[in-house]
C-alpha atoms as a PDB file:
ATOM      1  CA  MET A   1     104.463 133.009  93.454  1.00  0.00           C
ATOM      2  CA  GLU A   2     103.667 130.821  96.229  1.00  0.00           C
ATOM      3  CA  LYS A   3     102.532 127.222  95.470  1.00  0.00           C
ATOM      4  CA  LYS A   4      99.304 126.038  96.360  1.00  0.00           C
ATOM      5  CA  ILE A   5      97.967 122.690  97.144  1.00  0.00           C
ATOM      6  CA  ASP A   6      95.104 121.546  94.663  1.00  0.00           C
ATOM      7  CA  TYR A   7      95.070 117.713  95.293  1.00  0.00           C
ATOM      8  CA  PRO A   8      94.516 115.553  98.567  1.00  0.00           C
ATOM      9  CA  VAL A   9      97.421 115.360 100.834  1.00  0.00           C
ATOM     10  CA  GLN A  10      98.492 112.391 103.188  1.00  0.00           C
ATOM     11  CA  MET A  11     101.211 114.254 105.272  1.00  0.00           C
ATOM     12  CA  ALA A  12     102.983 110.983 106.023  1.00  0.00           C
ATOM     13  CA  ASP A  13     100.300 109.953 108.336  1.00  0.00           C
ATOM     14  CA  ILE A  14     100.107 106.047 108.727  1.00  0.00           C
ATOM     15  CA  ARG A  15      97.540 105.965 111.342  1.00  0.00           C
ATOM     16  CA  ILE A  16      94.575 103.660 110.452  1.00  0.00           C
ATOM     17  CA  ASN A  17      91.421 105.302 108.876  1.00  0.00           C
ATOM     18  CA  HIS A  18      93.417 108.621 107.715  1.00  0.00           C
ATOM     19  CA  TRP A  19      92.571 108.267 104.133  1.00  0.00           C
ATOM     20  CA  ARG A  20      93.951 110.328 101.159  1.00  0.00           C
ATOM     21  CA  VAL A  21      91.111 109.558  98.678  1.00  0.00           C
ATOM     22  CA  ASN A  22      87.428 109.690  99.617  1.00  0.00           C
ATOM     23  CA  GLY A  23      84.501 108.756  97.602  1.00  0.00           C
ATOM     24  CA  SER A  24      81.122 107.183  97.824  1.00  0.00           C
ATOM     25  CA  SER A  25      81.683 104.032  95.905  1.00  0.00           C
ATOM     26  CA  SER A  26      84.394 101.697  94.648  1.00  0.00           C
ATOM     27  CA  SER A  27      84.441 103.164  91.212  1.00  0.00           C
ATOM     28  CA  ASN A  28      84.524 106.463  92.348  1.00  0.00           C
ATOM     29  CA  LEU A  29      87.672 105.992  94.461  1.00  0.00           C
ATOM     30  CA  LYS A  30      89.455 104.395  91.772  1.00  0.00           C
ATOM     31  CA  ILE A  31      88.729 107.342  89.451  1.00  0.00           C
ATOM     32  CA  ARG A  32      89.829 109.818  92.196  1.00  0.00           C
ATOM     33  CA  GLU A  33      93.001 107.767  92.775  1.00  0.00           C
ATOM     34  CA  ALA A  34      93.669 107.828  89.021  1.00  0.00           C
ATOM     35  CA  ILE A  35      93.263 111.613  89.055  1.00  0.00           C
ATOM     36  CA  LEU A  36      95.399 112.187  91.997  1.00  0.00           C
ATOM     37  CA  TRP A  37      98.228 109.982  90.505  1.00  0.00           C
ATOM     38  CA  ARG A  38      98.261 111.817  87.093  1.00  0.00           C
ATOM     39  CA  LYS A  39      98.457 114.977  88.971  1.00  0.00           C
ATOM     40  CA  ILE A  40     101.400 114.171  91.236  1.00  0.00           C
ATOM     41  CA  LYS A  41     103.271 112.265  88.743  1.00  0.00           C
ATOM     42  CA  ARG A  42     103.236 115.268  86.283  1.00  0.00           C
ATOM     43  CA  MET A  43     104.422 117.353  89.055  1.00  0.00           C
ATOM     44  CA  ALA A  44     107.354 115.083  89.832  1.00  0.00           C
ATOM     45  CA  ASP A  45     108.171 114.224  86.252  1.00  0.00           C
ATOM     46  CA  THR A  46     108.430 118.174  85.335  1.00  0.00           C
ATOM     47  CA  ALA A  47     110.084 119.230  88.374  1.00  0.00           C
ATOM     48  CA  ASN A  48     113.593 120.716  88.357  1.00  0.00           C
ATOM     49  CA  ILE A  49     116.683 118.599  89.459  1.00  0.00           C
ATOM     50  CA  PRO A  50     117.815 119.757  92.909  1.00  0.00           C
ATOM     51  CA  SER A  51     120.660 122.113  93.420  1.00  0.00           C
ATOM     52  CA  GLN A  52     124.038 120.335  93.410  1.00  0.00           C
ATOM     53  CA  ILE A  53     124.993 122.138  96.613  1.00  0.00           C
ATOM     54  CA  LEU A  54     122.615 122.642  99.570  1.00  0.00           C
ATOM     55  CA  ASP A  55     122.079 126.493 100.038  1.00  0.00           C
ATOM     56  CA  GLY A  56     124.267 127.672 103.174  1.00  0.00           C
ATOM     57  CA  VAL A  57     126.260 124.303 103.314  1.00  0.00           C
ATOM     58  CA  ALA A  58     129.228 125.004 101.306  1.00  0.00           C
ATOM     59  CA  ASP A  59     130.957 121.690 101.563  1.00  0.00           C
ATOM     60  CA  SER A  60     127.868 119.608 100.645  1.00  0.00           C
ATOM     61  CA  ARG A  61     126.945 117.766  97.376  1.00  0.00           C
ATOM     62  CA  LEU A  62     123.865 116.114  95.995  1.00  0.00           C
ATOM     63  CA  LEU A  63     123.763 112.517  96.212  1.00  0.00           C
ATOM     64  CA  GLY A  64     120.405 111.624  95.157  1.00  0.00           C
ATOM     65  CA  TYR A  65     116.728 112.436  95.278  1.00  0.00           C
ATOM     66  CA  GLY A  66     113.110 111.145  95.104  1.00  0.00           C
ATOM     67  CA  TRP A  67     109.490 112.723  95.252  1.00  0.00           C
ATOM     68  CA  GLU A  68     110.127 113.780  98.817  1.00  0.00           C
ATOM     69  CA  TRP A  69     113.583 114.418  99.764  1.00  0.00           C
ATOM     70  CA  ALA A  70     116.857 115.632  98.267  1.00  0.00           C
ATOM     71  CA  VAL A  71     119.858 113.814  99.893  1.00  0.00           C
ATOM     72  CA  TYR A  72     123.138 115.573 100.464  1.00  0.00           C
ATOM     73  CA  SER A  73     126.443 114.566 101.850  1.00  0.00           C
ATOM     74  CA  VAL A  74     128.582 116.809 103.884  1.00  0.00           C
ATOM     75  CA  ASN A  75     132.391 116.542 103.946  1.00  0.00           C
ATOM     76  CA  ASP A  76     133.888 115.065 107.192  1.00  0.00           C
ATOM     77  CA  SER A  77     130.301 114.091 108.472  1.00  0.00           C
ATOM     78  CA  SER A  78     129.085 110.675 109.263  1.00  0.00           C
ATOM     79  CA  GLU A  79     125.827 111.839 108.421  1.00  0.00           C
ATOM     80  CA  LEU A  80     123.636 112.454 105.451  1.00  0.00           C
ATOM     81  CA  LEU A  81     121.073 115.301 105.227  1.00  0.00           C
ATOM     82  CA  LYS A  82     117.663 114.922 103.676  1.00  0.00           C
ATOM     83  CA  VAL A  83     115.682 118.022 102.958  1.00  0.00           C
ATOM     84  CA  PRO A  84     112.322 118.534 100.979  1.00  0.00           C
ATOM     85  CA  ARG A  85     112.822 118.410  97.296  1.00  0.00           C
ATOM     86  CA  ASP A  86     110.566 121.326  96.933  1.00  0.00           C
ATOM     87  CA  ILE A  87     107.902 119.438  94.514  1.00  0.00           C
ATOM     88  CA  PHE A  88     105.254 119.034  97.107  1.00  0.00           C
ATOM     89  CA  ILE A  89     105.005 121.816  99.521  1.00  0.00           C
ATOM     90  CA  GLU A  90     103.296 119.860 102.373  1.00  0.00           C
ATOM     91  CA  VAL A  91     106.789 118.056 102.656  1.00  0.00           C
ATOM     92  CA  ASN A  92     108.264 120.851 104.368  1.00  0.00           C
ATOM     93  CA  ASP A  93     105.240 121.336 106.775  1.00  0.00           C
ATOM     94  CA  PRO A  94     106.411 120.639 110.361  1.00  0.00           C
ATOM     95  CA  VAL A  95     103.566 118.224 110.753  1.00  0.00           C
ATOM     96  CA  TYR A  96     105.056 116.142 107.781  1.00  0.00           C
ATOM     97  CA  LEU A  97     108.276 115.877 109.818  1.00  0.00           C
ATOM     98  CA  SER A  98     106.623 114.892 112.779  1.00  0.00           C
ATOM     99  CA  ASN A  99     104.583 112.084 111.256  1.00  0.00           C
ATOM    100  CA  THR A 100     107.808 110.908 109.481  1.00  0.00           C
ATOM    101  CA  GLU A 101     109.455 110.800 112.907  1.00  0.00           C
ATOM    102  CA  TYR A 102     106.366 108.779 114.075  1.00  0.00           C
ATOM    103  CA  VAL A 103     106.796 106.188 111.199  1.00  0.00           C
ATOM    104  CA  TYR A 104     110.450 105.953 112.059  1.00  0.00           C
ATOM    105  CA  ASN A 105     109.575 105.161 115.676  1.00  0.00           C
ATOM    106  CA  THR A 106     106.895 102.637 114.836  1.00  0.00           C
ATOM    107  CA  LEU A 107     109.054 100.920 112.286  1.00  0.00           C
ATOM    108  CA  ARG A 108     111.784 100.699 114.810  1.00  0.00           C
ATOM    109  CA  GLU A 109     109.469  98.794 117.237  1.00  0.00           C
ATOM    110  CA  TYR A 110     109.174  96.027 114.811  1.00  0.00           C
ATOM    111  CA  VAL A 111     112.670  95.808 113.151  1.00  0.00           C
ATOM    112  CA  GLY A 112     114.830  97.254 115.936  1.00  0.00           C
ATOM    113  CA  THR A 113     118.286  98.092 114.776  1.00  0.00           C
ATOM    114  CA  TYR A 114     117.579  97.114 111.113  1.00  0.00           C
ATOM    115  CA  ILE A 115     116.541 100.907 110.458  1.00  0.00           C
ATOM    116  CA  VAL A 116     119.274 103.469 109.988  1.00  0.00           C
ATOM    117  CA  LYS A 117     119.853 105.712 112.829  1.00  0.00           C
ATOM    118  CA  SER A 118     117.970 109.119 112.031  1.00  0.00           C
ATOM    119  CA  ARG A 119     117.483 112.527 113.615  1.00  0.00           C
ATOM    120  CA  PHE A 120     114.549 115.026 112.703  1.00  0.00           C
ATOM    121  CA  LYS A 121     114.879 118.634 113.014  1.00  0.00           C
ATOM    122  CA  ARG A 122     113.730 122.051 111.575  1.00  0.00           C
ATOM    123  CA  ASN A 123     116.682 123.798 110.447  1.00  0.00           C
ATOM    124  CA  LYS A 124     117.209 127.248 108.911  1.00  0.00           C
ATOM    125  CA  PHE A 125     119.265 127.154 105.550  1.00  0.00           C
ATOM    126  CA  VAL A 126     120.173 130.755 104.398  1.00  0.00           C
ATOM    127  CA  ASN A 127     116.621 132.411 104.788  1.00  0.00           C
ATOM    128  CA  LYS A 128     114.363 129.197 104.743  1.00  0.00           C
ATOM    129  CA  GLU A 129     113.467 126.794 107.316  1.00  0.00           C
ATOM    130  CA  LEU A 130     113.334 123.292 106.076  1.00  0.00           C
ATOM    131  CA  ASN A 131     112.489 119.824 107.493  1.00  0.00           C
ATOM    132  CA  THR A 132     115.792 118.040 107.795  1.00  0.00           C
ATOM    133  CA  ILE A 133     116.496 114.372 108.415  1.00  0.00           C
ATOM    134  CA  TYR A 134     120.051 113.308 109.594  1.00  0.00           C
ATOM    135  CA  GLN A 135     120.891 109.732 108.687  1.00  0.00           C
ATOM    136  CA  ASP A 136     123.932 107.713 109.338  1.00  0.00           C
ATOM    137  CA  LYS A 137     125.915 107.015 105.967  1.00  0.00           C
ATOM    138  CA  LEU A 138     125.436 103.712 104.575  1.00  0.00           C
ATOM    139  CA  PHE A 139     127.539 101.738 102.006  1.00  0.00           C
ATOM    140  CA  SER A 140     126.533  98.977  99.769  1.00  0.00           C
ATOM    141  CA  SER A 141     123.104  98.840  98.184  1.00  0.00           C
ATOM    142  CA  LEU A 142     121.105  95.719  97.732  1.00  0.00           C
ATOM    143  CA  HIS A 143     119.021  95.465  94.660  1.00  0.00           C
ATOM    144  CA  LYS A 144     118.860  91.978  93.669  1.00  0.00           C
ATOM    145  CA  ILE A 145     118.958  88.947  96.139  1.00  0.00           C
ATOM    146  CA  VAL A 146     120.009  85.475  94.895  1.00  0.00           C
ATOM    147  CA  ILE A 147     118.846  83.302  97.896  1.00  0.00           C
ATOM    148  CA  ASP A 148     121.533  80.531  97.251  1.00  0.00           C
ATOM    149  CA  ASP A 149     124.363  83.266  97.113  1.00  0.00           C
ATOM    150  CA  LEU A 150     123.266  84.943 100.269  1.00  0.00           C
ATOM    151  CA  PRO A 151     125.669  84.409 103.387  1.00  0.00           C
ATOM    152  CA  PHE A 152     124.029  82.630 106.253  1.00  0.00           C
ATOM    153  CA  ASP A 153     124.293  85.901 108.451  1.00  0.00           C
ATOM    154  CA  LEU A 154     122.372  88.222 105.728  1.00  0.00           C
ATOM    155  CA  LYS A 155     119.597  85.291 105.700  1.00  0.00           C
ATOM    156  CA  ARG A 156     119.277  85.494 109.334  1.00  0.00           C
ATOM    157  CA  GLN A 157     118.954  89.355 109.233  1.00  0.00           C
ATOM    158  CA  PHE A 158     116.376  89.359 106.297  1.00  0.00           C
ATOM    159  CA  VAL A 159     114.397  86.555 108.373  1.00  0.00           C
ATOM    160  CA  GLU A 160     114.372  88.782 111.552  1.00  0.00           C
ATOM    161  CA  ILE A 161     113.358  91.877 109.253  1.00  0.00           C
ATOM    162  CA  GLY A 162     110.634  89.952 107.399  1.00  0.00           C
ATOM    163  CA  THR A 163     109.267  88.436 110.725  1.00  0.00           C
ATOM    164  CA  GLY A 164     108.940  91.972 112.178  1.00  0.00           C
ATOM    165  CA  LEU A 165     107.465  93.456 109.192  1.00  0.00           C
ATOM    166  CA  LEU A 166     104.657  90.803 108.808  1.00  0.00           C
ATOM    167  CA  LYS A 167     103.867  91.501 112.514  1.00  0.00           C
ATOM    168  CA  LEU A 168     103.755  95.304 111.521  1.00  0.00           C
ATOM    169  CA  LEU A 169     101.425  94.439 108.647  1.00  0.00           C
ATOM    170  CA  ASP A 170      99.240  92.370 110.767  1.00  0.00           C
ATOM    171  CA  ASP A 171      98.922  95.103 113.506  1.00  0.00           C
ATOM    172  CA  ILE A 172      98.335  98.374 111.434  1.00  0.00           C
ATOM    173  CA  SER A 173      97.983  96.948 107.967  1.00  0.00           C
ATOM    174  CA  TRP A 174     100.885  99.034 106.837  1.00  0.00           C
ATOM    175  CA  LEU A 175     104.602  98.585 105.394  1.00  0.00           C
ATOM    176  CA  PRO A 176     107.247 100.856 104.157  1.00  0.00           C
ATOM    177  CA  ASP A 177     108.129 101.009 100.507  1.00  0.00           C
ATOM    178  CA  LEU A 178     110.608  98.102 100.043  1.00  0.00           C
ATOM    179  CA  SER A 179     109.012  96.858  96.871  1.00  0.00           C
ATOM    180  CA  LEU A 180     109.725  93.288  97.448  1.00  0.00           C
ATOM    181  CA  GLU A 181     109.243  91.229  94.439  1.00  0.00           C
ATOM    182  CA  LYS A 182     110.631  88.525  92.018  1.00  0.00           C
ATOM    183  CA  ASP A 183     112.166  89.537  88.752  1.00  0.00           C
ATOM    184  CA  VAL A 184     111.893  87.281  85.454  1.00  0.00           C
ATOM    185  CA  ASP A 185     114.887  85.376  86.711  1.00  0.00           C
ATOM    186  CA  GLY A 186     113.165  84.231  89.850  1.00  0.00           C
ATOM    187  CA  ASN A 187     115.525  86.468  91.934  1.00  0.00           C
ATOM    188  CA  TRP A 188     114.003  88.683  94.451  1.00  0.00           C
ATOM    189  CA  LYS A 189     114.269  92.571  94.182  1.00  0.00           C
ATOM    190  CA  ILE A 190     114.180  95.026  96.957  1.00  0.00           C
ATOM    191  CA  ARG A 191     114.731  98.630  97.385  1.00  0.00           C
ATOM    192  CA  ASN A 192     115.435 101.232 100.172  1.00  0.00           C
ATOM    193  CA  ILE A 193     117.750  98.708 102.063  1.00  0.00           C
ATOM    194  CA  LYS A 194     121.524  99.054 102.414  1.00  0.00           C
ATOM    195  CA  LEU A 195     124.402  97.725 104.358  1.00  0.00           C
ATOM    196  CA  ASP A 196     126.231  99.611 106.886  1.00  0.00           C
ATOM    197  CA  LYS A 197     130.114  99.354 107.247  1.00  0.00           C
ATOM    198  CA  GLU A 198     129.790  96.431 109.660  1.00  0.00           C
ATOM    199  CA  GLY A 199     127.606  94.469 106.952  1.00  0.00           C
ATOM    200  CA  ASN A 200     124.351  94.988 108.878  1.00  0.00           C
ATOM    201  CA  LEU A 201     121.093  95.625 106.887  1.00  0.00           C
ATOM    202  CA  LYS A 202     119.458  98.976 107.381  1.00  0.00           C
ATOM    203  CA  ILE A 203     116.094 100.231 106.083  1.00  0.00           C
ATOM    204  CA  PHE A 204     116.881 103.928 105.156  1.00  0.00           C
ATOM    205  CA  ASP A 205     113.761 105.282 103.424  1.00  0.00           C
ATOM    206  CA  PHE A 206     110.666 104.658 105.455  1.00  0.00           C
ATOM    207  CA  SER A 207     108.137 107.443 104.544  1.00  0.00           C
ATOM    208  CA  THR A 208     106.202 106.994 101.562  1.00  0.00           C
ATOM    209  CA  TYR A 209     104.691 110.219  99.430  1.00  0.00           C
ATOM    210  CA  TYR A 210     102.296 108.016  97.475  1.00  0.00           C
ATOM    211  CA  ASP A 211     101.298 105.579 100.364  1.00  0.00           C
ATOM    212  CA  VAL A 212      99.215 102.789  98.771  1.00  0.00           C
ATOM    213  CA  PHE A 213      98.237 101.679 102.191  1.00  0.00           C
ATOM    214  CA  ARG A 214      96.581 104.818 103.197  1.00  0.00           C
ATOM    215  CA  LEU A 215      94.769 105.859  99.911  1.00  0.00           C
ATOM    216  CA  TYR A 216      91.425 104.230 100.607  1.00  0.00           C
ATOM    217  CA  PRO A 217      90.252 100.916 102.440  1.00  0.00           C
ATOM    218  CA  GLN A 218      89.958  98.636  99.365  1.00  0.00           C
ATOM    219  CA  ARG A 219      93.307  99.562  98.094  1.00  0.00           C
ATOM    220  CA  MET A 220      94.738  98.971 101.490  1.00  0.00           C
ATOM    221  CA  GLU A 221      93.247  95.531 101.606  1.00  0.00           C
ATOM    222  CA  LYS A 222      94.506  94.643  98.159  1.00  0.00           C
ATOM    223  CA  GLU A 223      98.186  96.002  99.219  1.00  0.00           C
ATOM    224  CA  VAL A 224      98.047  93.939 102.507  1.00  0.00           C
ATOM    225  CA  ALA A 225      97.353  90.597 100.554  1.00  0.00           C
ATOM    226  CA  ILE A 226     100.013  91.353  97.816  1.00  0.00           C
ATOM    227  CA  LYS A 227     102.805  92.752 100.033  1.00  0.00           C
ATOM    228  CA  GLY A 228     102.053  90.117 102.922  1.00  0.00           C
ATOM    229  CA  ASN A 229     102.306  87.242 100.461  1.00  0.00           C
ATOM    230  CA  ALA A 230     105.525  88.468  99.040  1.00  0.00           C
ATOM    231  CA  TRP A 231     107.164  88.762 102.254  1.00  0.00           C
ATOM    232  CA  LYS A 232     105.743  85.100 103.451  1.00  0.00           C
ATOM    233  CA  PHE A 233     107.196  83.595 100.285  1.00  0.00           C
ATOM    234  CA  PHE A 234     110.511  85.296 100.649  1.00  0.00           C
ATOM    235  CA  LEU A 235     110.806  84.031 104.166  1.00  0.00           C
ATOM    236  CA  GLU A 236     109.838  80.576 103.107  1.00  0.00           C
ATOM    237  CA  GLU A 237     112.793  80.645 100.579  1.00  0.00           C
ATOM    238  CA  LEU A 238     115.308  81.831 103.235  1.00  0.00           C
ATOM    239  CA  GLU A 239     114.400  79.070 105.679  1.00  0.00           C
ATOM    240  CA  LYS A 240     114.649  76.239 103.311  1.00  0.00           C
END
């Protein structure tokens, strides 16, 4: 049976005034957001784990997965493959892929080479066409950042990234999902950034299925303040 969409979609569209949740009042918007969150969270929590091998690619193996994409490595390839995880059917819509590429190109304007090299295509795997993202393989993950232990060159890179992201936030009131925040020990946590083999920082996940900046205007304003302050404080500590 073909899946049907019975919830508001956002299609990875980061253009301003393209809201996922609509309503006549602040309380109404919050109620609709809560209903949406419960719906899609339940869908994600009950979804099957993706296949360990991508259909039609015998030398592939599953590396990881999120709400949008399943990630596969392929032997003897310098690239990873991301294909829709098949929870939310709109992720395989060609428009979703086009919007994701737009996000990538927009982000690249602000952070330059600090985003992993990516290609976007519709590919046929066995008997199904899938949105596909090819990305250069990365190596070391960065989850916790201890400022005092950070090498000078990584501090410089983070400053350049943060400066670009704050400009992006100022221009279009949007950021990728890097979840920069402090932990209980006073160290910084971040996600979706890794190091390449030369030791350069790369943002590798830039589209966000549940995009808090594009739910509705009041939520966007709240997130702009929270995320903007986090990056400003982070930069201040880096530059001490």
